[in-house]
């Protein structure tokens, strides 16, 4: 996963060219239904995946936590890469921020002791 993230940040200009950032900023609002879904789905994925791994499959807490948090974050990045492939689509760093907020709140709600 670290290798994937380092590749992503090294080649982020090819994913989202700098000249298109001003146009994207106008389309990508900080608040809206899309941001609510990014936050809510990340929160739900952390809770449900942790419950599945820890309570149902009886995995250790550290393994369940790692897979829950890492898997949810990876799905968020994959979703943004998928959005980039769509016509007039773009990679939204704001969506990733809402994903991270959902993951963080999910961690404190469902995992943290």
PDB file of N, CA and C in Angstrom:
ATOM      1  N   UNK A   1       0.823  -1.182   0.000  1.00  0.00           N
ATOM      2  CA  UNK A   1       0.000   0.000   0.000  1.00  0.00           C
ATOM      3  C   UNK A   1       0.874   1.256   0.000  1.00  0.00           C
ATOM      4  N   UNK A   2       1.977   1.240   0.767  1.00  0.00           N
ATOM      5  CA  UNK A   2       2.870   2.389   0.797  1.00  0.00           C
ATOM      6  C   UNK A   2       3.471   2.617  -0.579  1.00  0.00           C
ATOM      7  N   UNK A   3       3.797   1.550  -1.275  1.00  0.00           N
ATOM      8  CA  UNK A   3       4.333   1.665  -2.626  1.00  0.00           C
ATOM      9  C   UNK A   3       3.311   2.311  -3.557  1.00  0.00           C
ATOM     10  N   UNK A   4       2.062   1.896  -3.431  1.00  0.00           N
ATOM     11  CA  UNK A   4       0.995   2.471  -4.244  1.00  0.00           C
ATOM     12  C   UNK A   4       0.845   3.958  -3.965  1.00  0.00           C
ATOM     13  N   UNK A   5       0.838   4.346  -2.682  1.00  0.00           N
ATOM     14  CA  UNK A   5       0.664   5.750  -2.331  1.00  0.00           C
ATOM     15  C   UNK A   5       1.849   6.595  -2.792  1.00  0.00           C
ATOM     16  N   UNK A   6       3.066   6.065  -2.685  1.00  0.00           N
ATOM     17  CA  UNK A   6       4.216   6.831  -3.152  1.00  0.00           C
ATOM     18  C   UNK A   6       4.159   7.001  -4.672  1.00  0.00           C
ATOM     19  N   UNK A   7       3.744   5.969  -5.394  1.00  0.00           N
ATOM     20  CA  UNK A   7       3.563   6.081  -6.848  1.00  0.00           C
ATOM     21  C   UNK A   7       2.526   7.147  -7.172  1.00  0.00           C
ATOM     22  N   UNK A   8       1.431   7.145  -6.419  1.00  0.00           N
ATOM     23  CA  UNK A   8       0.351   8.102  -6.636  1.00  0.00           C
ATOM     24  C   UNK A   8       0.849   9.535  -6.466  1.00  0.00           C
ATOM     25  N   UNK A   9       1.578   9.808  -5.395  1.00  0.00           N
ATOM     26  CA  UNK A   9       2.024  11.169  -5.140  1.00  0.00           C
ATOM     27  C   UNK A   9       3.135  11.602  -6.097  1.00  0.00           C
ATOM     28  N   UNK A  10       3.954  10.663  -6.561  1.00  0.00           N
ATOM     29  CA  UNK A  10       4.993  11.010  -7.521  1.00  0.00           C
ATOM     30  C   UNK A  10       4.404  11.382  -8.872  1.00  0.00           C
ATOM     31  N   UNK A  11       3.328  10.719  -9.248  1.00  0.00           N
ATOM     32  CA  UNK A  11       2.730  10.938 -10.562  1.00  0.00           C
ATOM     33  C   UNK A  11       1.383  11.638 -10.484  1.00  0.00           C
ATOM     34  N   UNK A  12       1.164  12.438  -9.451  1.00  0.00           N
ATOM     35  CA  UNK A  12      -0.130  13.090  -9.291  1.00  0.00           C
ATOM     36  C   UNK A  12      -0.398  14.114 -10.387  1.00  0.00           C
ATOM     37  N   UNK A  13       0.649  14.677 -11.005  1.00  0.00           N
ATOM     38  CA  UNK A  13       0.433  15.628 -12.092  1.00  0.00           C
ATOM     39  C   UNK A  13      -0.185  14.961 -13.314  1.00  0.00           C
ATOM     40  N   UNK A  14       0.102  13.683 -13.520  1.00  0.00           N
ATOM     41  CA  UNK A  14      -0.515  12.995 -14.648  1.00  0.00           C
ATOM     42  C   UNK A  14      -1.949  12.603 -14.330  1.00  0.00           C
ATOM     43  N   UNK A  15      -2.251  12.417 -13.048  1.00  0.00           N
ATOM     44  CA  UNK A  15      -3.620  12.097 -12.647  1.00  0.00           C
ATOM     45  C   UNK A  15      -4.487  13.342 -12.730  1.00  0.00           C
ATOM     46  N   UNK A  16      -3.968  14.440 -12.250  1.00  0.00           N
ATOM     47  CA  UNK A  16      -4.710  15.696 -12.255  1.00  0.00           C
ATOM     48  C   UNK A  16      -3.753  16.814 -12.659  1.00  0.00           C
ATOM     49  N   UNK A  17      -3.674  17.156 -13.951  1.00  0.00           N
ATOM     50  CA  UNK A  17      -2.739  18.177 -14.408  1.00  0.00           C
ATOM     51  C   UNK A  17      -2.960  19.518 -13.708  1.00  0.00           C
ATOM     52  N   UNK A  18      -1.879  20.250 -13.370  1.00  0.00           N
ATOM     53  CA  UNK A  18      -2.007  21.509 -12.628  1.00  0.00           C
ATOM     54  C   UNK A  18      -2.868  22.558 -13.312  1.00  0.00           C
ATOM     55  N   UNK A  19      -2.871  22.633 -14.645  1.00  0.00           N
ATOM     56  CA  UNK A  19      -3.652  23.655 -15.324  1.00  0.00           C
ATOM     57  C   UNK A  19      -5.158  23.441 -15.196  1.00  0.00           C
ATOM     58  N   UNK A  20      -5.570  22.238 -14.854  1.00  0.00           N
ATOM     59  CA  UNK A  20      -7.005  21.975 -14.719  1.00  0.00           C
ATOM     60  C   UNK A  20      -7.493  22.164 -13.288  1.00  0.00           C
ATOM     61  N   UNK A  21      -6.588  22.462 -12.349  1.00  0.00           N
ATOM     62  CA  UNK A  21      -6.981  22.583 -10.947  1.00  0.00           C
ATOM     63  C   UNK A  21      -7.928  23.748 -10.699  1.00  0.00           C
ATOM     64  N   UNK A  22      -7.750  24.862 -11.380  1.00  0.00           N
ATOM     65  CA  UNK A  22      -8.630  26.004 -11.145  1.00  0.00           C
ATOM     66  C   UNK A  22     -10.058  25.696 -11.585  1.00  0.00           C
ATOM     67  N   UNK A  23     -10.221  24.983 -12.686  1.00  0.00           N
ATOM     68  CA  UNK A  23     -11.558  24.612 -13.149  1.00  0.00           C
ATOM     69  C   UNK A  23     -12.193  23.601 -12.197  1.00  0.00           C
ATOM     70  N   UNK A  24     -11.415  22.658 -11.705  1.00  0.00           N
ATOM     71  CA  UNK A  24     -11.927  21.646 -10.786  1.00  0.00           C
ATOM     72  C   UNK A  24     -12.367  22.279  -9.483  1.00  0.00           C
ATOM     73  N   UNK A  25     -11.609  23.250  -8.972  1.00  0.00           N
ATOM     74  CA  UNK A  25     -11.947  23.901  -7.720  1.00  0.00           C
ATOM     75  C   UNK A  25     -13.319  24.544  -7.798  1.00  0.00           C
ATOM     76  N   UNK A  26     -13.669  25.079  -8.953  1.00  0.00           N
ATOM     77  CA  UNK A  26     -14.983  25.690  -9.104  1.00  0.00           C
ATOM     78  C   UNK A  26     -16.096  24.652  -9.057  1.00  0.00           C
ATOM     79  N   UNK A  27     -15.840  23.447  -9.560  1.00  0.00           N
ATOM     80  CA  UNK A  27     -16.861  22.399  -9.582  1.00  0.00           C
ATOM     81  C   UNK A  27     -16.966  21.665  -8.250  1.00  0.00           C
ATOM     82  N   UNK A  28     -15.859  21.554  -7.539  1.00  0.00           N
ATOM     83  CA  UNK A  28     -15.782  20.715  -6.352  1.00  0.00           C
ATOM     84  C   UNK A  28     -16.021  21.551  -5.096  1.00  0.00           C
ATOM     85  N   UNK A  29     -17.256  21.583  -4.639  1.00  0.00           N
ATOM     86  CA  UNK A  29     -17.613  22.369  -3.467  1.00  0.00           C
ATOM     87  C   UNK A  29     -17.219  21.631  -2.181  1.00  0.00           C
ATOM     88  N   UNK A  30     -16.999  22.382  -1.113  1.00  0.00           N
ATOM     89  CA  UNK A  30     -16.618  21.779   0.171  1.00  0.00           C
ATOM     90  C   UNK A  30     -17.774  21.054   0.837  1.00  0.00           C
ATOM     91  N   UNK A  31     -18.996  21.530   0.625  1.00  0.00           N
ATOM     92  CA  UNK A  31     -20.160  20.913   1.258  1.00  0.00           C
ATOM     93  C   UNK A  31     -21.153  20.508   0.183  1.00  0.00           C
ATOM     94  N   UNK A  32     -21.783  19.371   0.390  1.00  0.00           N
ATOM     95  CA  UNK A  32     -22.762  18.895  -0.565  1.00  0.00           C
ATOM     96  C   UNK A  32     -23.083  17.430  -0.317  1.00  0.00           C
ATOM     97  N   UNK A  33     -23.996  16.925  -1.092  1.00  0.00           N
ATOM     98  CA  UNK A  33     -24.431  15.543  -0.928  1.00  0.00           C
ATOM     99  C   UNK A  33     -23.295  14.554  -1.177  1.00  0.00           C
ATOM    100  N   UNK A  34     -22.456  14.840  -2.160  1.00  0.00           N
ATOM    101  CA  UNK A  34     -21.339  13.957  -2.471  1.00  0.00           C
ATOM    102  C   UNK A  34     -20.378  13.831  -1.286  1.00  0.00           C
ATOM    103  N   UNK A  35     -20.107  14.945  -0.627  1.00  0.00           N
ATOM    104  CA  UNK A  35     -19.202  14.914   0.533  1.00  0.00           C
ATOM    105  C   UNK A  35     -19.839  14.152   1.691  1.00  0.00           C
ATOM    106  N   UNK A  36     -21.141  14.294   1.868  1.00  0.00           N
ATOM    107  CA  UNK A  36     -21.859  13.537   2.894  1.00  0.00           C
ATOM    108  C   UNK A  36     -21.720  12.034   2.651  1.00  0.00           C
ATOM    109  N   UNK A  37     -21.832  11.605   1.387  1.00  0.00           N
ATOM    110  CA  UNK A  37     -21.716  10.187   1.064  1.00  0.00           C
ATOM    111  C   UNK A  37     -20.299   9.669   1.263  1.00  0.00           C
ATOM    112  N   UNK A  38     -19.308  10.469   0.920  1.00  0.00           N
ATOM    113  CA  UNK A  38     -17.920  10.049   1.150  1.00  0.00           C
ATOM    114  C   UNK A  38     -17.667   9.856   2.645  1.00  0.00           C
ATOM    115  N   UNK A  39     -18.101  10.807   3.449  1.00  0.00           N
ATOM    116  CA  UNK A  39     -17.931  10.707   4.893  1.00  0.00           C
ATOM    117  C   UNK A  39     -18.690   9.503   5.454  1.00  0.00           C
ATOM    118  N   UNK A  40     -19.964   9.388   5.093  1.00  0.00           N
ATOM    119  CA  UNK A  40     -20.822   8.328   5.630  1.00  0.00           C
ATOM    120  C   UNK A  40     -20.387   6.932   5.227  1.00  0.00           C
ATOM    121  N   UNK A  41     -19.995   6.762   3.976  1.00  0.00           N
ATOM    122  CA  UNK A  41     -19.572   5.438   3.532  1.00  0.00           C
ATOM    123  C   UNK A  41     -18.249   5.032   4.164  1.00  0.00           C
ATOM    124  N   UNK A  42     -17.335   5.970   4.331  1.00  0.00           N
ATOM    125  CA  UNK A  42     -16.075   5.645   4.996  1.00  0.00           C
ATOM    126  C   UNK A  42     -16.317   5.254   6.451  1.00  0.00           C
ATOM    127  N   UNK A  43     -17.167   5.998   7.112  1.00  0.00           N
ATOM    128  CA  UNK A  43     -17.529   5.686   8.497  1.00  0.00           C
ATOM    129  C   UNK A  43     -18.141   4.290   8.598  1.00  0.00           C
ATOM    130  N   UNK A  44     -19.095   4.003   7.719  1.00  0.00           N
ATOM    131  CA  UNK A  44     -19.773   2.700   7.736  1.00  0.00           C
ATOM    132  C   UNK A  44     -18.834   1.561   7.366  1.00  0.00           C
ATOM    133  N   UNK A  45     -17.949   1.787   6.402  1.00  0.00           N
ATOM    134  CA  UNK A  45     -17.007   0.731   6.004  1.00  0.00           C
ATOM    135  C   UNK A  45     -16.026   0.392   7.120  1.00  0.00           C
ATOM    136  N   UNK A  46     -15.555   1.399   7.838  1.00  0.00           N
ATOM    137  CA  UNK A  46     -14.654   1.131   8.962  1.00  0.00           C
ATOM    138  C   UNK A  46     -15.368   0.290  10.014  1.00  0.00           C
ATOM    139  N   UNK A  47     -16.566   0.705  10.388  1.00  0.00           N
ATOM    140  CA  UNK A  47     -17.313  -0.028  11.420  1.00  0.00           C
ATOM    141  C   UNK A  47     -17.683  -1.431  11.001  1.00  0.00           C
ATOM    142  N   UNK A  48     -18.192  -1.584   9.804  1.00  0.00           N
ATOM    143  CA  UNK A  48     -18.648  -2.910   9.372  1.00  0.00           C
ATOM    144  C   UNK A  48     -17.491  -3.863   9.089  1.00  0.00           C
ATOM    145  N   UNK A  49     -16.422  -3.357   8.488  1.00  0.00           N
ATOM    146  CA  UNK A  49     -15.290  -4.244   8.209  1.00  0.00           C
ATOM    147  C   UNK A  49     -14.576  -4.646   9.500  1.00  0.00           C
ATOM    148  N   UNK A  50     -14.477  -3.722  10.449  1.00  0.00           N
ATOM    149  CA  UNK A  50     -13.865  -4.074  11.728  1.00  0.00           C
ATOM    150  C   UNK A  50     -14.718  -5.121  12.456  1.00  0.00           C
ATOM    151  N   UNK A  51     -16.026  -4.919  12.470  1.00  0.00           N
ATOM    152  CA  UNK A  51     -16.915  -5.880  13.125  1.00  0.00           C
ATOM    153  C   UNK A  51     -16.806  -7.254  12.471  1.00  0.00           C
ATOM    154  N   UNK A  52     -16.800  -7.294  11.152  1.00  0.00           N
ATOM    155  CA  UNK A  52     -16.685  -8.561  10.437  1.00  0.00           C
ATOM    156  C   UNK A  52     -15.389  -9.277  10.806  1.00  0.00           C
ATOM    157  N   UNK A  53     -14.286  -8.555  10.752  1.00  0.00           N
ATOM    158  CA  UNK A  53     -12.988  -9.181  11.012  1.00  0.00           C
ATOM    159  C   UNK A  53     -12.801  -9.564  12.479  1.00  0.00           C
ATOM    160  N   UNK A  54     -13.147  -8.670  13.395  1.00  0.00           N
ATOM    161  CA  UNK A  54     -12.874  -8.901  14.818  1.00  0.00           C
ATOM    162  C   UNK A  54     -13.909  -9.815  15.458  1.00  0.00           C
ATOM    163  N   UNK A  55     -15.161  -9.535  15.246  1.00  0.00           N
ATOM    164  CA  UNK A  55     -16.222 -10.257  15.964  1.00  0.00           C
ATOM    165  C   UNK A  55     -16.678 -11.526  15.256  1.00  0.00           C
ATOM    166  N   UNK A  56     -16.739 -11.494  13.953  1.00  0.00           N
ATOM    167  CA  UNK A  56     -17.240 -12.664  13.226  1.00  0.00           C
ATOM    168  C   UNK A  56     -16.139 -13.636  12.832  1.00  0.00           C
ATOM    169  N   UNK A  57     -15.020 -13.102  12.319  1.00  0.00           N
ATOM    170  CA  UNK A  57     -13.931 -13.970  11.862  1.00  0.00           C
ATOM    171  C   UNK A  57     -12.862 -14.194  12.932  1.00  0.00           C
ATOM    172  N   UNK A  58     -13.029 -13.535  14.095  1.00  0.00           N
ATOM    173  CA  UNK A  58     -12.154 -13.725  15.268  1.00  0.00           C
ATOM    174  C   UNK A  58     -10.685 -13.414  14.979  1.00  0.00           C
ATOM    175  N   UNK A  59     -10.432 -12.377  14.202  1.00  0.00           N
ATOM    176  CA  UNK A  59      -9.063 -11.937  13.948  1.00  0.00           C
ATOM    177  C   UNK A  59      -8.578 -11.097  15.128  1.00  0.00           C
ATOM    178  N   UNK A  60      -7.263 -10.967  15.251  1.00  0.00           N
ATOM    179  CA  UNK A  60      -6.697 -10.125  16.296  1.00  0.00           C
ATOM    180  C   UNK A  60      -7.087  -8.669  16.041  1.00  0.00           C
ATOM    181  N   UNK A  61      -7.114  -7.895  17.136  1.00  0.00           N
ATOM    182  CA  UNK A  61      -7.529  -6.495  17.023  1.00  0.00           C
ATOM    183  C   UNK A  61      -6.619  -5.710  16.084  1.00  0.00           C
ATOM    184  N   UNK A  62      -5.318  -5.942  16.162  1.00  0.00           N
ATOM    185  CA  UNK A  62      -4.386  -5.182  15.320  1.00  0.00           C
ATOM    186  C   UNK A  62      -4.607  -5.476  13.839  1.00  0.00           C
ATOM    187  N   UNK A  63      -4.851  -6.720  13.522  1.00  0.00           N
ATOM    188  CA  UNK A  63      -5.094  -7.094  12.121  1.00  0.00           C
ATOM    189  C   UNK A  63      -6.420  -6.511  11.641  1.00  0.00           C
ATOM    190  N   UNK A  64      -7.445  -6.637  12.453  1.00  0.00           N
ATOM    191  CA  UNK A  64      -8.761  -6.107  12.085  1.00  0.00           C
ATOM    192  C   UNK A  64      -8.697  -4.595  11.897  1.00  0.00           C
ATOM    193  N   UNK A  65      -7.977  -3.916  12.776  1.00  0.00           N
ATOM    194  CA  UNK A  65      -7.851  -2.461  12.669  1.00  0.00           C
ATOM    195  C   UNK A  65      -7.099  -2.067  11.404  1.00  0.00           C
ATOM    196  N   UNK A  66      -5.988  -2.727  11.149  1.00  0.00           N
ATOM    197  CA  UNK A  66      -5.179  -2.397   9.967  1.00  0.00           C
ATOM    198  C   UNK A  66      -5.960  -2.598   8.672  1.00  0.00           C
ATOM    199  N   UNK A  67      -6.618  -3.740   8.563  1.00  0.00           N
ATOM    200  CA  UNK A  67      -7.374  -4.014   7.338  1.00  0.00           C
ATOM    201  C   UNK A  67      -8.579  -3.087   7.211  1.00  0.00           C
ATOM    202  N   UNK A  68      -9.211  -2.784   8.309  1.00  0.00           N
ATOM    203  CA  UNK A  68     -10.374  -1.915   8.279  1.00  0.00           C
ATOM    204  C   UNK A  68     -10.002  -0.508   7.829  1.00  0.00           C
ATOM    205  N   UNK A  69      -8.986   0.069   8.446  1.00  0.00           N
ATOM    206  CA  UNK A  69      -8.586   1.433   8.110  1.00  0.00           C
ATOM    207  C   UNK A  69      -7.904   1.499   6.746  1.00  0.00           C
ATOM    208  N   UNK A  70      -6.967   0.599   6.507  1.00  0.00           N
ATOM    209  CA  UNK A  70      -6.245   0.599   5.236  1.00  0.00           C
ATOM    210  C   UNK A  70      -7.132   0.263   4.053  1.00  0.00           C
ATOM    211  N   UNK A  71      -8.016  -0.705   4.238  1.00  0.00           N
ATOM    212  CA  UNK A  71      -8.924  -1.093   3.160  1.00  0.00           C
ATOM    213  C   UNK A  71      -9.888   0.019   2.791  1.00  0.00           C
ATOM    214  N   UNK A  72     -10.406   0.708   3.801  1.00  0.00           N
ATOM    215  CA  UNK A  72     -11.337   1.805   3.533  1.00  0.00           C
ATOM    216  C   UNK A  72     -10.632   2.951   2.823  1.00  0.00           C
ATOM    217  N   UNK A  73      -9.423   3.275   3.264  1.00  0.00           N
ATOM    218  CA  UNK A  73      -8.671   4.340   2.607  1.00  0.00           C
ATOM    219  C   UNK A  73      -8.333   3.963   1.165  1.00  0.00           C
ATOM    220  N   UNK A  74      -7.943   2.725   0.950  1.00  0.00           N
ATOM    221  CA  UNK A  74      -7.619   2.262  -0.402  1.00  0.00           C
ATOM    222  C   UNK A  74      -8.831   2.326  -1.320  1.00  0.00           C
ATOM    223  N   UNK A  75      -9.983   1.956  -0.808  1.00  0.00           N
ATOM    224  CA  UNK A  75     -11.203   2.051  -1.615  1.00  0.00           C
ATOM    225  C   UNK A  75     -11.523   3.494  -1.977  1.00  0.00           C
ATOM    226  N   UNK A  76     -11.251   4.415  -1.060  1.00  0.00           N
ATOM    227  CA  UNK A  76     -11.470   5.832  -1.355  1.00  0.00           C
ATOM    228  C   UNK A  76     -10.579   6.325  -2.484  1.00  0.00           C
ATOM    229  N   UNK A  77      -9.314   5.909  -2.470  1.00  0.00           N
ATOM    230  CA  UNK A  77      -8.396   6.305  -3.538  1.00  0.00           C
ATOM    231  C   UNK A  77      -8.812   5.670  -4.858  1.00  0.00           C
ATOM    232  N   UNK A  78      -9.183   4.403  -4.818  1.00  0.00           N
ATOM    233  CA  UNK A  78      -9.638   3.737  -6.041  1.00  0.00           C
ATOM    234  C   UNK A  78     -10.883   4.406  -6.619  1.00  0.00           C
ATOM    235  N   UNK A  79     -11.779   4.844  -5.753  1.00  0.00           N
ATOM    236  CA  UNK A  79     -12.985   5.541  -6.206  1.00  0.00           C
ATOM    237  C   UNK A  79     -12.619   6.834  -6.921  1.00  0.00           C
ATOM    238  N   UNK A  80     -11.666   7.573  -6.377  1.00  0.00           N
ATOM    239  CA  UNK A  80     -11.255   8.821  -7.026  1.00  0.00           C
ATOM    240  C   UNK A  80     -10.530   8.569  -8.349  1.00  0.00           C
ATOM    241  N   UNK A  81      -9.728   7.522  -8.397  1.00  0.00           N
ATOM    242  CA  UNK A  81      -9.082   7.167  -9.666  1.00  0.00           C
ATOM    243  C   UNK A  81     -10.121   6.756 -10.702  1.00  0.00           C
ATOM    244  N   UNK A  82     -11.152   6.065 -10.267  1.00  0.00           N
ATOM    245  CA  UNK A  82     -12.254   5.686 -11.164  1.00  0.00           C
ATOM    246  C   UNK A  82     -12.978   6.931 -11.665  1.00  0.00           C
ATOM    247  N   UNK A  83     -13.232   7.890 -10.764  1.00  0.00           N
ATOM    248  CA  UNK A  83     -13.888   9.131 -11.174  1.00  0.00           C
ATOM    249  C   UNK A  83     -13.063   9.887 -12.201  1.00  0.00           C
ATOM    250  N   UNK A  84     -11.753   9.809 -12.100  1.00  0.00           N
ATOM    251  CA  UNK A  84     -10.856  10.494 -13.026  1.00  0.00           C
ATOM    252  C   UNK A  84     -10.985   9.942 -14.442  1.00  0.00           C
ATOM    253  N   UNK A  85     -11.327   8.665 -14.550  1.00  0.00           N
ATOM    254  CA  UNK A  85     -11.443   8.025 -15.867  1.00  0.00           C
ATOM    255  C   UNK A  85     -12.733   8.405 -16.592  1.00  0.00           C
ATOM    256  N   UNK A  86     -13.727   8.890 -15.873  1.00  0.00           N
ATOM    257  CA  UNK A  86     -15.000   9.253 -16.485  1.00  0.00           C
ATOM    258  C   UNK A  86     -14.829  10.502 -17.348  1.00  0.00           C
ATOM    259  N   UNK A  87     -15.691  10.652 -18.357  1.00  0.00           N
ATOM    260  CA  UNK A  87     -15.648  11.891 -19.135  1.00  0.00           C
ATOM    261  C   UNK A  87     -15.932  13.093 -18.228  1.00  0.00           C
ATOM    262  N   UNK A  88     -15.095  14.113 -18.331  1.00  0.00           N
ATOM    263  CA  UNK A  88     -15.181  15.318 -17.492  1.00  0.00           C
ATOM    264  C   UNK A  88     -15.034  15.000 -16.001  1.00  0.00           C
ATOM    265  N   UNK A  89     -14.476  13.859 -15.683  1.00  0.00           N
ATOM    266  CA  UNK A  89     -14.246  13.497 -14.295  1.00  0.00           C
ATOM    267  C   UNK A  89     -12.936  14.060 -13.801  1.00  0.00           C
ATOM    268  N   UNK A  90     -12.759  14.048 -12.521  1.00  0.00           N
ATOM    269  CA  UNK A  90     -11.537  14.564 -11.916  1.00  0.00           C
ATOM    270  C   UNK A  90     -11.298  13.878 -10.578  1.00  0.00           C
ATOM    271  N   UNK A  91     -10.054  13.932 -10.159  1.00  0.00           N
ATOM    272  CA  UNK A  91      -9.640  13.378  -8.879  1.00  0.00           C
ATOM    273  C   UNK A  91      -9.857  14.458  -7.827  1.00  0.00           C
ATOM    274  N   UNK A  92     -10.709  14.186  -6.846  1.00  0.00           N
ATOM    275  CA  UNK A  92     -11.060  15.200  -5.861  1.00  0.00           C
ATOM    276  C   UNK A  92     -10.328  14.955  -4.536  1.00  0.00           C
ATOM    277  N   UNK A  93      -9.419  15.869  -4.235  1.00  0.00           N
ATOM    278  CA  UNK A  93      -8.736  15.798  -2.950  1.00  0.00           C
ATOM    279  C   UNK A  93      -9.686  16.126  -1.804  1.00  0.00           C
ATOM    280  N   UNK A  94     -10.698  16.898  -2.093  1.00  0.00           N
ATOM    281  CA  UNK A  94     -11.696  17.219  -1.062  1.00  0.00           C
ATOM    282  C   UNK A  94     -12.503  15.975  -0.690  1.00  0.00           C
ATOM    283  N   UNK A  95     -12.815  15.145  -1.669  1.00  0.00           N
ATOM    284  CA  UNK A  95     -13.494  13.886  -1.374  1.00  0.00           C
ATOM    285  C   UNK A  95     -12.610  13.006  -0.492  1.00  0.00           C
ATOM    286  N   UNK A  96     -11.315  12.970  -0.781  1.00  0.00           N
ATOM    287  CA  UNK A  96     -10.395  12.193   0.048  1.00  0.00           C
ATOM    288  C   UNK A  96     -10.335  12.724   1.470  1.00  0.00           C
ATOM    289  N   UNK A  97     -10.422  14.031   1.631  1.00  0.00           N
ATOM    290  CA  UNK A  97     -10.429  14.607   2.971  1.00  0.00           C
ATOM    291  C   UNK A  97     -11.660  14.148   3.741  1.00  0.00           C
ATOM    292  N   UNK A  98     -12.802  14.129   3.085  1.00  0.00           N
ATOM    293  CA  UNK A  98     -14.024  13.644   3.742  1.00  0.00           C
ATOM    294  C   UNK A  98     -13.932  12.146   4.033  1.00  0.00           C
ATOM    295  N   UNK A  99     -13.276  11.395   3.144  1.00  0.00           N
ATOM    296  CA  UNK A  99     -13.033   9.976   3.430  1.00  0.00           C
ATOM    297  C   UNK A  99     -12.207   9.836   4.697  1.00  0.00           C
ATOM    298  N   UNK A 100     -11.144  10.623   4.808  1.00  0.00           N
ATOM    299  CA  UNK A 100     -10.284  10.556   5.990  1.00  0.00           C
ATOM    300  C   UNK A 100     -11.031  10.966   7.258  1.00  0.00           C
ATOM    301  N   UNK A 101     -11.907  11.965   7.155  1.00  0.00           N
ATOM    302  CA  UNK A 101     -12.720  12.340   8.315  1.00  0.00           C
ATOM    303  C   UNK A 101     -13.629  11.191   8.738  1.00  0.00           C
ATOM    304  N   UNK A 102     -14.251  10.530   7.777  1.00  0.00           N
ATOM    305  CA  UNK A 102     -15.106   9.382   8.089  1.00  0.00           C
ATOM    306  C   UNK A 102     -14.316   8.239   8.695  1.00  0.00           C
ATOM    307  N   UNK A 103     -13.115   7.999   8.186  1.00  0.00           N
ATOM    308  CA  UNK A 103     -12.262   6.945   8.724  1.00  0.00           C
ATOM    309  C   UNK A 103     -11.856   7.285  10.153  1.00  0.00           C
ATOM    310  N   UNK A 104     -11.475   8.534  10.388  1.00  0.00           N
ATOM    311  CA  UNK A 104     -11.065   8.951  11.732  1.00  0.00           C
ATOM    312  C   UNK A 104     -12.187   8.850  12.745  1.00  0.00           C
ATOM    313  N   UNK A 105     -13.352   9.352  12.399  1.00  0.00           N
ATOM    314  CA  UNK A 105     -14.509   9.260  13.303  1.00  0.00           C
ATOM    315  C   UNK A 105     -14.897   7.800  13.501  1.00  0.00           C
ATOM    316  N   UNK A 106     -14.853   7.010  12.432  1.00  0.00           N
ATOM    317  CA  UNK A 106     -15.161   5.580  12.542  1.00  0.00           C
ATOM    318  C   UNK A 106     -14.202   4.865  13.467  1.00  0.00           C
ATOM    319  N   UNK A 107     -12.933   5.250  13.407  1.00  0.00           N
ATOM    320  CA  UNK A 107     -11.947   4.639  14.306  1.00  0.00           C
ATOM    321  C   UNK A 107     -12.320   4.917  15.761  1.00  0.00           C
ATOM    322  N   UNK A 108     -12.629   6.166  16.062  1.00  0.00           N
ATOM    323  CA  UNK A 108     -12.947   6.506  17.457  1.00  0.00           C
ATOM    324  C   UNK A 108     -14.304   5.963  17.907  1.00  0.00           C
ATOM    325  N   UNK A 109     -15.236   5.787  16.986  1.00  0.00           N
ATOM    326  CA  UNK A 109     -16.546   5.237  17.348  1.00  0.00           C
ATOM    327  C   UNK A 109     -16.530   3.720  17.511  1.00  0.00           C
ATOM    328  N   UNK A 110     -15.826   3.020  16.629  1.00  0.00           N
ATOM    329  CA  UNK A 110     -15.949   1.566  16.568  1.00  0.00           C
ATOM    330  C   UNK A 110     -14.732   0.793  17.052  1.00  0.00           C
ATOM    331  N   UNK A 111     -13.553   1.392  17.046  1.00  0.00           N
ATOM    332  CA  UNK A 111     -12.347   0.613  17.320  1.00  0.00           C
ATOM    333  C   UNK A 111     -11.654   1.036  18.607  1.00  0.00           C
ATOM    334  N   UNK A 112     -11.493   2.330  18.820  1.00  0.00           N
ATOM    335  CA  UNK A 112     -10.711   2.846  19.936  1.00  0.00           C
ATOM    336  C   UNK A 112     -11.290   2.404  21.284  1.00  0.00           C
ATOM    337  N   UNK A 113     -10.407   1.956  22.156  1.00  0.00           N
ATOM    338  CA  UNK A 113     -10.856   1.545  23.505  1.00  0.00           C
ATOM    339  C   UNK A 113     -10.675   2.661  24.494  1.00  0.00           C
TER     340      UNK A 113
END
